[in-house]
Amino acid sequence: MKTLFNLNILKTGLIFCALLIASCGETNKENAEVVELEPPVLESASQEYADIVMKMYEHMSNFDHDAYGAIMADDITWYWPDGGADTRNSIKGKDNVIAFWKNWQETTGGKMTFAKNTLLPIKVNKPTNYYKAVGSGVLAYTDITITLKDQSTTVRQHAVMMFNDDMKISNVFLYYDRTGIMELTNVVFGETE
């Protein structure tokens, strides 16, 4: 009995199988190109940071100076919304920040509240030209209402609060239209002693 097969089909099938087996083999790691990914400028951080900022707002609304002081780093810098990155007025040190707010409370009899809070925990991997701060922080948007006697004003505030490794607030960068507050208080925050 005669078997029918074509030698060319057999050769083609053998070559196909050899190539298939070779292509399934392990790649040569020496020739593989390693691509290192650069970390993003920003990424999300733990919700714990937003919770701390919310507590700070609550304590500041109640003028509970010891409580908000407990969540601030000793070397905190509080940046007011004036000037540029290198010219902004600031308060340096926890004791000085607390002294400022105690003085403001005592001399004005004023109150402040924070509402419509939007808090986004962030991790900054690269310093920007403006903040020059890296690490974990919170991008915060809130309505701050300042009340003096029978008058009040509300402004939408944008703040960036950065934390140190001990989860204490180390930098506060404030941004808001100061017009309403200056008209109400006759004071530019950050320029008072």
N, C-alpha and C. Protein backbone atom coordinates (compact mmCIF):
# COMPACT_ATOMS: atom_id res chain seq x y z
N MET A 1 0.83 -1.17 0.00
CA MET A 1 0.00 0.00 0.00
C MET A 1 0.87 1.23 0.00
N LYS A 2 0.47 2.18 -0.76
CA LYS A 2 1.25 3.38 -0.96
C LYS A 2 0.69 4.49 -0.07
N THR A 3 1.58 5.22 0.71
CA THR A 3 1.18 6.32 1.58
C THR A 3 1.37 7.61 0.82
N LEU A 4 0.35 8.44 0.92
CA LEU A 4 0.39 9.72 0.23
C LEU A 4 0.92 10.80 1.17
N PHE A 5 2.02 11.38 0.86
CA PHE A 5 2.48 12.57 1.59
C PHE A 5 3.38 13.34 0.66
N ASN A 6 3.39 14.61 0.93
CA ASN A 6 4.19 15.50 0.10
C ASN A 6 5.39 15.93 0.92
N LEU A 7 6.55 15.73 0.42
CA LEU A 7 7.77 16.06 1.13
C LEU A 7 7.87 17.56 1.42
N ASN A 8 7.38 18.40 0.55
CA ASN A 8 7.41 19.87 0.77
C ASN A 8 6.50 20.28 1.94
N ILE A 9 5.33 19.64 2.04
CA ILE A 9 4.43 19.95 3.15
C ILE A 9 5.07 19.51 4.46
N LEU A 10 5.73 18.38 4.46
CA LEU A 10 6.40 17.88 5.65
C LEU A 10 7.52 18.82 6.08
N LYS A 11 8.33 19.31 5.14
CA LYS A 11 9.41 20.25 5.45
C LYS A 11 8.85 21.57 6.00
N THR A 12 7.78 22.07 5.38
CA THR A 12 7.16 23.33 5.83
C THR A 12 6.61 23.18 7.24
N GLY A 13 5.95 22.07 7.51
CA GLY A 13 5.41 21.82 8.85
C GLY A 13 6.51 21.73 9.89
N LEU A 14 7.62 21.07 9.55
CA LEU A 14 8.74 20.93 10.46
C LEU A 14 9.38 22.29 10.77
N ILE A 15 9.55 23.12 9.77
CA ILE A 15 10.10 24.47 9.97
C ILE A 15 9.15 25.30 10.84
N PHE A 16 7.85 25.22 10.58
CA PHE A 16 6.85 25.97 11.37
C PHE A 16 6.92 25.56 12.84
N CYS A 17 6.98 24.25 13.11
CA CYS A 17 7.05 23.76 14.49
C CYS A 17 8.34 24.22 15.17
N ALA A 18 9.46 24.20 14.46
CA ALA A 18 10.73 24.63 15.03
C ALA A 18 10.69 26.11 15.40
N LEU A 19 10.12 26.93 14.52
CA LEU A 19 10.01 28.37 14.81
C LEU A 19 9.06 28.63 15.98
N LEU A 20 7.98 27.88 16.05
CA LEU A 20 7.02 28.03 17.15
C LEU A 20 7.68 27.70 18.48
N ILE A 21 8.41 26.62 18.53
CA ILE A 21 9.09 26.22 19.77
C ILE A 21 10.15 27.26 20.13
N ALA A 22 10.89 27.75 19.17
CA ALA A 22 11.94 28.75 19.44
C ALA A 22 11.34 30.06 19.94
N SER A 23 10.21 30.45 19.42
CA SER A 23 9.60 31.72 19.83
C SER A 23 9.01 31.65 21.23
N CYS A 24 8.72 30.46 21.71
CA CYS A 24 8.17 30.31 23.06
C CYS A 24 9.26 30.28 24.12
N GLY A 25 10.49 30.24 23.70
CA GLY A 25 11.60 30.17 24.65
C GLY A 25 11.78 31.49 25.40
N GLU A 26 12.62 31.47 26.44
CA GLU A 26 12.88 32.64 27.27
C GLU A 26 13.68 33.66 26.47
N THR A 27 13.37 34.93 26.69
CA THR A 27 14.09 35.98 25.97
C THR A 27 15.46 36.17 26.62
N ASN A 28 16.36 36.68 25.88
CA ASN A 28 17.70 36.95 26.36
C ASN A 28 17.65 38.20 27.22
N LYS A 29 17.88 38.04 28.52
CA LYS A 29 17.76 39.16 29.45
C LYS A 29 18.89 40.17 29.27
N GLU A 30 20.01 39.74 28.73
CA GLU A 30 21.12 40.66 28.53
C GLU A 30 20.78 41.73 27.50
N ASN A 31 19.97 41.39 26.54
CA ASN A 31 19.62 42.34 25.49
C ASN A 31 18.33 43.10 25.78
N ALA A 32 17.64 42.74 26.85
CA ALA A 32 16.38 43.41 27.17
C ALA A 32 16.67 44.82 27.69
N GLU A 33 15.96 45.79 27.19
CA GLU A 33 16.15 47.17 27.59
C GLU A 33 15.31 47.45 28.84
N VAL A 34 15.95 48.01 29.86
CA VAL A 34 15.26 48.34 31.10
C VAL A 34 14.84 49.80 31.02
N VAL A 35 13.57 50.03 31.20
CA VAL A 35 13.04 51.38 31.17
C VAL A 35 12.63 51.76 32.59
N GLU A 36 13.29 52.77 33.14
CA GLU A 36 12.94 53.23 34.48
C GLU A 36 11.88 54.31 34.35
N LEU A 37 10.78 54.09 35.04
CA LEU A 37 9.70 55.06 35.00
C LEU A 37 9.97 56.17 36.00
N GLU A 38 9.79 57.38 35.55
CA GLU A 38 9.96 58.53 36.43
C GLU A 38 8.68 58.70 37.25
N PRO A 39 8.81 58.92 38.56
CA PRO A 39 7.59 59.07 39.36
C PRO A 39 6.82 60.31 38.93
N PRO A 40 5.51 60.28 39.06
CA PRO A 40 4.71 61.45 38.68
C PRO A 40 4.98 62.61 39.64
N VAL A 41 4.70 63.82 39.20
CA VAL A 41 4.88 64.99 40.06
C VAL A 41 3.98 64.87 41.28
N LEU A 42 2.74 64.44 41.08
CA LEU A 42 1.76 64.28 42.17
C LEU A 42 1.13 62.90 42.09
N GLU A 43 0.78 62.38 43.25
CA GLU A 43 -0.03 61.17 43.32
C GLU A 43 -0.88 61.26 44.59
N SER A 44 -1.81 60.35 44.74
CA SER A 44 -2.70 60.43 45.90
C SER A 44 -1.97 59.96 47.15
N ALA A 45 -2.42 60.49 48.29
CA ALA A 45 -1.86 60.13 49.60
C ALA A 45 -2.98 59.58 50.47
N SER A 46 -2.64 59.19 51.67
CA SER A 46 -3.59 58.61 52.61
C SER A 46 -4.65 59.62 53.04
N GLN A 47 -5.86 59.13 53.24
CA GLN A 47 -6.98 59.96 53.71
C GLN A 47 -6.70 60.53 55.10
N GLU A 48 -5.78 59.91 55.84
CA GLU A 48 -5.44 60.40 57.18
C GLU A 48 -5.03 61.87 57.16
N TYR A 49 -4.33 62.28 56.11
CA TYR A 49 -3.88 63.67 56.02
C TYR A 49 -5.06 64.63 55.91
N ALA A 50 -6.05 64.27 55.12
CA ALA A 50 -7.25 65.11 55.00
C ALA A 50 -8.00 65.16 56.33
N ASP A 51 -8.03 64.04 57.05
CA ASP A 51 -8.70 64.01 58.36
C ASP A 51 -8.01 64.96 59.34
N ILE A 52 -6.69 65.03 59.29
CA ILE A 52 -5.95 65.94 60.17
C ILE A 52 -6.27 67.39 59.84
N VAL A 53 -6.33 67.72 58.55
CA VAL A 53 -6.66 69.10 58.15
C VAL A 53 -8.07 69.45 58.60
N MET A 54 -9.00 68.51 58.48
CA MET A 54 -10.37 68.77 58.94
C MET A 54 -10.40 69.05 60.44
N LYS A 55 -9.61 68.29 61.20
CA LYS A 55 -9.52 68.55 62.65
C LYS A 55 -8.94 69.93 62.92
N MET A 56 -7.93 70.32 62.13
CA MET A 56 -7.35 71.65 62.31
C MET A 56 -8.41 72.73 62.09
N TYR A 57 -9.22 72.58 61.03
CA TYR A 57 -10.28 73.56 60.77
C TYR A 57 -11.26 73.63 61.95
N GLU A 58 -11.63 72.48 62.48
CA GLU A 58 -12.56 72.46 63.62
C GLU A 58 -11.95 73.16 64.83
N HIS A 59 -10.68 72.85 65.13
CA HIS A 59 -10.02 73.46 66.28
C HIS A 59 -9.83 74.96 66.09
N MET A 60 -9.51 75.38 64.87
CA MET A 60 -9.34 76.82 64.63
C MET A 60 -10.67 77.55 64.73
N SER A 61 -11.75 76.94 64.28
CA SER A 61 -13.08 77.56 64.40
C SER A 61 -13.45 77.79 65.86
N ASN A 62 -13.00 76.89 66.73
CA ASN A 62 -13.29 76.99 68.16
C ASN A 62 -12.20 77.75 68.93
N PHE A 63 -11.19 78.21 68.21
CA PHE A 63 -10.02 78.84 68.82
C PHE A 63 -9.44 77.96 69.94
N ASP A 64 -9.41 76.67 69.68
CA ASP A 64 -8.78 75.72 70.59
C ASP A 64 -7.30 75.66 70.21
N HIS A 65 -6.56 76.66 70.69
CA HIS A 65 -5.17 76.86 70.27
C HIS A 65 -4.28 75.66 70.59
N ASP A 66 -4.46 75.06 71.76
CA ASP A 66 -3.63 73.90 72.11
C ASP A 66 -3.90 72.72 71.19
N ALA A 67 -5.17 72.53 70.82
CA ALA A 67 -5.53 71.38 69.97
C ALA A 67 -4.98 71.53 68.56
N TYR A 68 -5.13 72.72 67.93
CA TYR A 68 -4.57 72.82 66.58
C TYR A 68 -3.05 72.92 66.64
N GLY A 69 -2.51 73.45 67.73
CA GLY A 69 -1.06 73.48 67.89
C GLY A 69 -0.47 72.08 67.98
N ALA A 70 -1.22 71.14 68.54
CA ALA A 70 -0.74 69.77 68.69
C ALA A 70 -0.57 69.05 67.35
N ILE A 71 -1.24 69.52 66.31
CA ILE A 71 -1.11 68.86 65.00
C ILE A 71 -0.19 69.64 64.07
N MET A 72 0.47 70.68 64.60
CA MET A 72 1.44 71.45 63.82
C MET A 72 2.85 71.08 64.24
N ALA A 73 3.76 71.11 63.27
CA ALA A 73 5.18 70.89 63.57
C ALA A 73 5.72 72.12 64.30
N ASP A 74 6.72 71.92 65.12
CA ASP A 74 7.32 73.05 65.84
C ASP A 74 7.88 74.10 64.88
N ASP A 75 8.38 73.64 63.72
CA ASP A 75 9.00 74.56 62.75
C ASP A 75 8.06 74.91 61.59
N ILE A 76 6.77 74.90 61.83
CA ILE A 76 5.79 75.21 60.79
C ILE A 76 6.05 76.60 60.20
N THR A 77 5.77 76.74 58.90
CA THR A 77 5.78 78.05 58.26
C THR A 77 4.40 78.27 57.67
N TRP A 78 3.78 79.39 58.03
CA TRP A 78 2.42 79.76 57.61
C TRP A 78 2.57 80.88 56.59
N TYR A 79 2.27 80.60 55.32
CA TYR A 79 2.45 81.57 54.24
C TYR A 79 1.13 82.26 53.92
N TRP A 80 1.14 83.59 53.96
CA TRP A 80 -0.05 84.38 53.64
C TRP A 80 -0.19 84.53 52.13
N PRO A 81 -1.37 84.87 51.63
CA PRO A 81 -1.59 84.93 50.18
C PRO A 81 -1.18 86.27 49.57
N ASP A 82 0.06 86.64 49.74
CA ASP A 82 0.54 87.88 49.15
C ASP A 82 1.93 87.64 48.59
N GLY A 83 2.31 88.41 47.61
CA GLY A 83 3.64 88.30 47.05
C GLY A 83 3.83 87.05 46.22
N GLY A 84 5.09 86.83 45.85
CA GLY A 84 5.45 85.67 45.05
C GLY A 84 6.04 84.58 45.92
N ALA A 85 6.58 83.57 45.28
CA ALA A 85 7.11 82.41 46.00
C ALA A 85 8.19 82.80 47.00
N ASP A 86 8.99 83.81 46.67
CA ASP A 86 10.09 84.20 47.54
C ASP A 86 9.80 85.46 48.35
N THR A 87 8.65 86.10 48.13
CA THR A 87 8.38 87.38 48.80
C THR A 87 7.15 87.36 49.69
N ARG A 88 6.54 86.21 49.87
CA ARG A 88 5.32 86.14 50.68
C ARG A 88 5.62 86.40 52.14
N ASN A 89 4.69 87.10 52.80
CA ASN A 89 4.77 87.24 54.24
C ASN A 89 4.48 85.89 54.87
N SER A 90 5.13 85.60 55.97
CA SER A 90 4.93 84.31 56.61
C SER A 90 5.14 84.43 58.12
N ILE A 91 4.65 83.43 58.80
CA ILE A 91 4.89 83.29 60.24
C ILE A 91 5.65 81.99 60.40
N LYS A 92 6.77 82.05 61.09
CA LYS A 92 7.60 80.85 61.27
C LYS A 92 7.55 80.39 62.72
N GLY A 93 7.28 79.12 62.89
CA GLY A 93 7.27 78.51 64.21
C GLY A 93 5.87 78.39 64.79
N LYS A 94 5.62 77.23 65.41
CA LYS A 94 4.29 76.95 65.98
C LYS A 94 3.90 77.98 67.03
N ASP A 95 4.81 78.33 67.90
CA ASP A 95 4.48 79.30 68.96
C ASP A 95 4.05 80.64 68.37
N ASN A 96 4.70 81.06 67.29
CA ASN A 96 4.35 82.34 66.65
C ASN A 96 3.01 82.27 65.93
N VAL A 97 2.71 81.13 65.30
CA VAL A 97 1.40 80.97 64.65
C VAL A 97 0.29 81.02 65.70
N ILE A 98 0.46 80.30 66.79
CA ILE A 98 -0.55 80.30 67.85
C ILE A 98 -0.68 81.70 68.45
N ALA A 99 0.45 82.37 68.69
CA ALA A 99 0.41 83.73 69.25
C ALA A 99 -0.35 84.68 68.32
N PHE A 100 -0.15 84.53 67.00
CA PHE A 100 -0.87 85.39 66.05
C PHE A 100 -2.38 85.20 66.20
N TRP A 101 -2.83 83.94 66.19
CA TRP A 101 -4.28 83.69 66.25
C TRP A 101 -4.87 84.03 67.61
N LYS A 102 -4.11 83.85 68.68
CA LYS A 102 -4.59 84.28 70.01
C LYS A 102 -4.77 85.79 70.02
N ASN A 103 -3.77 86.50 69.50
CA ASN A 103 -3.84 87.96 69.45
C ASN A 103 -5.01 88.42 68.59
N TRP A 104 -5.19 87.77 67.44
CA TRP A 104 -6.30 88.15 66.55
C TRP A 104 -7.63 87.95 67.26
N GLN A 105 -7.77 86.82 67.93
CA GLN A 105 -9.02 86.53 68.64
C GLN A 105 -9.26 87.56 69.75
N GLU A 106 -8.24 87.86 70.54
CA GLU A 106 -8.39 88.78 71.67
C GLU A 106 -8.62 90.22 71.23
N THR A 107 -7.94 90.66 70.18
CA THR A 107 -8.05 92.07 69.79
C THR A 107 -9.25 92.36 68.91
N THR A 108 -9.76 91.37 68.20
CA THR A 108 -10.89 91.63 67.30
C THR A 108 -12.20 91.08 67.84
N GLY A 109 -12.13 90.08 68.69
CA GLY A 109 -13.34 89.39 69.12
C GLY A 109 -13.97 88.62 67.97
N GLY A 110 -13.20 88.43 66.91
CA GLY A 110 -13.70 87.80 65.70
C GLY A 110 -13.89 86.31 65.82
N LYS A 111 -14.63 85.80 64.87
CA LYS A 111 -14.87 84.36 64.76
C LYS A 111 -14.57 83.96 63.32
N MET A 112 -14.30 82.69 63.13
CA MET A 112 -14.14 82.18 61.77
C MET A 112 -14.67 80.77 61.70
N THR A 113 -15.25 80.46 60.56
CA THR A 113 -15.77 79.12 60.32
C THR A 113 -15.30 78.65 58.95
N PHE A 114 -15.24 77.35 58.82
CA PHE A 114 -14.82 76.73 57.57
C PHE A 114 -15.97 75.84 57.09
N ALA A 115 -16.41 76.02 55.86
CA ALA A 115 -17.53 75.24 55.32
C ALA A 115 -17.23 74.85 53.88
N LYS A 116 -18.05 73.93 53.36
CA LYS A 116 -17.91 73.44 51.98
C LYS A 116 -16.46 73.01 51.71
N ASN A 117 -15.96 72.16 52.61
CA ASN A 117 -14.58 71.70 52.52
C ASN A 117 -14.41 70.62 51.47
N THR A 118 -13.44 70.82 50.61
CA THR A 118 -13.02 69.80 49.65
C THR A 118 -11.54 69.56 49.92
N LEU A 119 -11.22 68.37 50.39
CA LEU A 119 -9.86 68.06 50.81
C LEU A 119 -9.32 66.90 49.99
N LEU A 120 -8.20 67.11 49.32
CA LEU A 120 -7.59 66.11 48.46
C LEU A 120 -6.19 65.78 48.98
N PRO A 121 -6.00 64.59 49.58
CA PRO A 121 -4.66 64.22 50.04
C PRO A 121 -3.75 63.94 48.85
N ILE A 122 -2.57 64.53 48.88
CA ILE A 122 -1.63 64.40 47.76
C ILE A 122 -0.25 64.03 48.28
N LYS A 123 0.53 63.42 47.40
CA LYS A 123 1.95 63.19 47.68
C LYS A 123 2.71 63.90 46.57
N VAL A 124 3.51 64.86 46.94
CA VAL A 124 4.29 65.65 45.99
C VAL A 124 5.66 65.01 45.87
N ASN A 125 6.00 64.52 44.67
CA ASN A 125 7.27 63.85 44.46
C ASN A 125 8.37 64.78 43.97
N LYS A 126 7.99 65.89 43.36
CA LYS A 126 8.97 66.85 42.85
C LYS A 126 8.53 68.24 43.26
N PRO A 127 9.46 69.06 43.74
CA PRO A 127 9.08 70.42 44.12
C PRO A 127 8.70 71.23 42.88
N THR A 128 7.71 72.08 43.04
CA THR A 128 7.34 72.98 41.96
C THR A 128 8.05 74.31 42.18
N ASN A 129 8.02 75.17 41.20
CA ASN A 129 8.66 76.48 41.34
C ASN A 129 8.03 77.30 42.46
N TYR A 130 6.75 77.06 42.72
CA TYR A 130 6.06 77.90 43.69
C TYR A 130 6.08 77.33 45.10
N TYR A 131 5.84 76.03 45.25
CA TYR A 131 5.76 75.46 46.60
C TYR A 131 7.12 75.07 47.16
N LYS A 132 7.96 74.52 46.34
CA LYS A 132 9.27 74.04 46.77
C LYS A 132 9.17 73.11 47.98
N ALA A 133 8.13 72.31 48.02
CA ALA A 133 7.92 71.37 49.11
C ALA A 133 7.58 70.00 48.53
N VAL A 134 8.14 68.96 49.13
CA VAL A 134 7.83 67.59 48.70
C VAL A 134 7.33 66.80 49.90
N GLY A 135 6.65 65.70 49.62
CA GLY A 135 6.11 64.86 50.68
C GLY A 135 4.60 64.83 50.62
N SER A 136 4.00 64.40 51.71
CA SER A 136 2.54 64.27 51.77
C SER A 136 1.91 65.59 52.20
N GLY A 137 0.73 65.84 51.66
CA GLY A 137 0.02 67.06 51.99
C GLY A 137 -1.44 66.97 51.61
N VAL A 138 -2.11 68.10 51.70
CA VAL A 138 -3.53 68.18 51.37
C VAL A 138 -3.76 69.44 50.55
N LEU A 139 -4.43 69.27 49.43
CA LEU A 139 -4.92 70.39 48.64
C LEU A 139 -6.33 70.64 49.13
N ALA A 140 -6.57 71.82 49.69
CA ALA A 140 -7.85 72.09 50.36
C ALA A 140 -8.54 73.31 49.75
N TYR A 141 -9.82 73.16 49.51
CA TYR A 141 -10.68 74.27 49.10
C TYR A 141 -11.77 74.38 50.15
N THR A 142 -11.99 75.57 50.66
CA THR A 142 -12.99 75.75 51.70
C THR A 142 -13.53 77.17 51.67
N ASP A 143 -14.74 77.35 52.14
CA ASP A 143 -15.29 78.69 52.35
C ASP A 143 -14.96 79.09 53.77
N ILE A 144 -14.21 80.17 53.93
CA ILE A 144 -13.89 80.66 55.26
C ILE A 144 -14.70 81.93 55.48
N THR A 145 -15.44 81.94 56.59
CA THR A 145 -16.25 83.10 56.95
C THR A 145 -15.63 83.75 58.18
N ILE A 146 -15.30 85.02 58.05
CA ILE A 146 -14.77 85.83 59.15
C ILE A 146 -15.90 86.73 59.63
N THR A 147 -16.15 86.71 60.93
CA THR A 147 -17.21 87.54 61.52
C THR A 147 -16.61 88.45 62.58
N LEU A 148 -16.89 89.75 62.45
CA LEU A 148 -16.50 90.74 63.45
C LEU A 148 -17.74 91.50 63.85
N LYS A 149 -18.11 91.37 65.11
CA LYS A 149 -19.32 91.99 65.64
C LYS A 149 -20.52 91.58 64.80
N ASP A 150 -21.15 92.51 64.10
CA ASP A 150 -22.34 92.16 63.32
C ASP A 150 -22.07 92.11 61.81
N GLN A 151 -20.81 92.11 61.43
CA GLN A 151 -20.46 92.05 60.01
C GLN A 151 -19.65 90.78 59.73
N SER A 152 -19.82 90.26 58.52
CA SER A 152 -19.04 89.08 58.15
C SER A 152 -18.76 89.11 56.66
N THR A 153 -17.79 88.33 56.27
CA THR A 153 -17.46 88.14 54.87
C THR A 153 -17.04 86.68 54.68
N THR A 154 -17.34 86.15 53.51
CA THR A 154 -16.97 84.78 53.18
C THR A 154 -16.12 84.80 51.91
N VAL A 155 -15.02 84.08 51.95
CA VAL A 155 -14.16 83.95 50.77
C VAL A 155 -13.88 82.47 50.54
N ARG A 156 -13.68 82.13 49.29
CA ARG A 156 -13.28 80.76 48.93
C ARG A 156 -11.77 80.71 49.05
N GLN A 157 -11.30 79.84 49.90
CA GLN A 157 -9.87 79.73 50.17
C GLN A 157 -9.31 78.46 49.55
N HIS A 158 -8.17 78.59 48.95
CA HIS A 158 -7.40 77.45 48.43
C HIS A 158 -6.16 77.39 49.31
N ALA A 159 -5.89 76.24 49.87
CA ALA A 159 -4.71 76.08 50.72
C ALA A 159 -4.01 74.78 50.36
N VAL A 160 -2.71 74.78 50.53
CA VAL A 160 -1.92 73.57 50.44
C VAL A 160 -1.23 73.42 51.78
N MET A 161 -1.46 72.29 52.42
CA MET A 161 -0.85 72.02 53.73
C MET A 161 0.04 70.80 53.59
N MET A 162 1.30 70.99 53.89
CA MET A 162 2.27 69.90 53.77
C MET A 162 2.62 69.37 55.15
N PHE A 163 3.00 68.10 55.20
CA PHE A 163 3.26 67.42 56.46
C PHE A 163 4.72 66.95 56.53
N ASN A 164 5.22 66.84 57.75
CA ASN A 164 6.54 66.25 57.94
C ASN A 164 6.38 64.73 58.12
N ASP A 165 7.47 64.05 58.40
CA ASP A 165 7.43 62.59 58.54
C ASP A 165 6.65 62.13 59.77
N ASP A 166 6.44 63.02 60.73
CA ASP A 166 5.67 62.70 61.94
C ASP A 166 4.18 63.01 61.78
N MET A 167 3.75 63.29 60.55
CA MET A 167 2.36 63.63 60.24
C MET A 167 1.90 64.89 60.97
N LYS A 168 2.81 65.84 61.11
CA LYS A 168 2.50 67.16 61.66
C LYS A 168 2.53 68.15 60.50
N ILE A 169 1.65 69.14 60.54
CA ILE A 169 1.60 70.14 59.48
C ILE A 169 2.85 71.01 59.57
N SER A 170 3.62 71.04 58.49
CA SER A 170 4.90 71.77 58.49
C SER A 170 4.87 73.03 57.63
N ASN A 171 3.98 73.09 56.66
CA ASN A 171 3.84 74.27 55.81
C ASN A 171 2.37 74.48 55.48
N VAL A 172 1.94 75.73 55.53
CA VAL A 172 0.58 76.10 55.12
C VAL A 172 0.72 77.22 54.09
N PHE A 173 0.28 76.95 52.86
CA PHE A 173 0.29 77.94 51.79
C PHE A 173 -1.15 78.36 51.55
N LEU A 174 -1.48 79.62 51.79
CA LEU A 174 -2.86 80.10 51.64
C LEU A 174 -3.00 80.94 50.38
N TYR A 175 -4.16 80.79 49.74
CA TYR A 175 -4.50 81.57 48.55
C TYR A 175 -5.97 81.93 48.64
N TYR A 176 -6.28 83.20 48.60
CA TYR A 176 -7.67 83.64 48.55
C TYR A 176 -7.69 85.11 48.17
N ASP A 177 -8.83 85.56 47.70
CA ASP A 177 -9.02 86.97 47.40
C ASP A 177 -9.15 87.69 48.74
N ARG A 178 -8.18 88.50 49.07
CA ARG A 178 -8.12 89.15 50.38
C ARG A 178 -9.03 90.36 50.50
N THR A 179 -9.64 90.79 49.40
CA THR A 179 -10.40 92.04 49.40
C THR A 179 -11.47 92.08 50.48
N GLY A 180 -12.33 91.09 50.55
CA GLY A 180 -13.41 91.09 51.53
C GLY A 180 -12.91 91.10 52.95
N ILE A 181 -11.86 90.34 53.22
CA ILE A 181 -11.31 90.29 54.58
C ILE A 181 -10.65 91.62 54.94
N MET A 182 -9.92 92.22 54.00
CA MET A 182 -9.28 93.51 54.28
C MET A 182 -10.32 94.60 54.52
N GLU A 183 -11.41 94.59 53.75
CA GLU A 183 -12.47 95.59 53.95
C GLU A 183 -13.14 95.41 55.31
N LEU A 184 -13.33 94.17 55.73
CA LEU A 184 -13.99 93.90 57.01
C LEU A 184 -13.08 94.23 58.19
N THR A 185 -11.82 93.84 58.11
CA THR A 185 -10.93 93.94 59.26
C THR A 185 -10.05 95.18 59.26
N ASN A 186 -9.92 95.83 58.10
CA ASN A 186 -8.97 96.94 57.93
C ASN A 186 -7.54 96.49 58.23
N VAL A 187 -7.28 95.21 58.03
CA VAL A 187 -5.97 94.62 58.30
C VAL A 187 -5.63 93.67 57.16
N VAL A 188 -4.36 93.67 56.77
CA VAL A 188 -3.87 92.68 55.83
C VAL A 188 -3.20 91.59 56.65
N PHE A 189 -3.79 90.39 56.69
CA PHE A 189 -3.19 89.29 57.46
C PHE A 189 -1.77 89.06 56.96
N GLY A 190 -0.89 88.88 57.90
CA GLY A 190 0.50 88.64 57.55
C GLY A 190 1.34 89.89 57.67
N GLU A 191 0.71 91.06 57.65
CA GLU A 191 1.46 92.31 57.79
C GLU A 191 1.26 92.91 59.17
N THR A 192 0.61 92.17 60.05
CA THR A 192 0.39 92.65 61.41
C THR A 192 1.38 91.98 62.34
N GLU A 193 1.70 92.62 63.39
CA GLU A 193 2.61 92.05 64.40
C GLU A 193 1.82 91.44 65.51
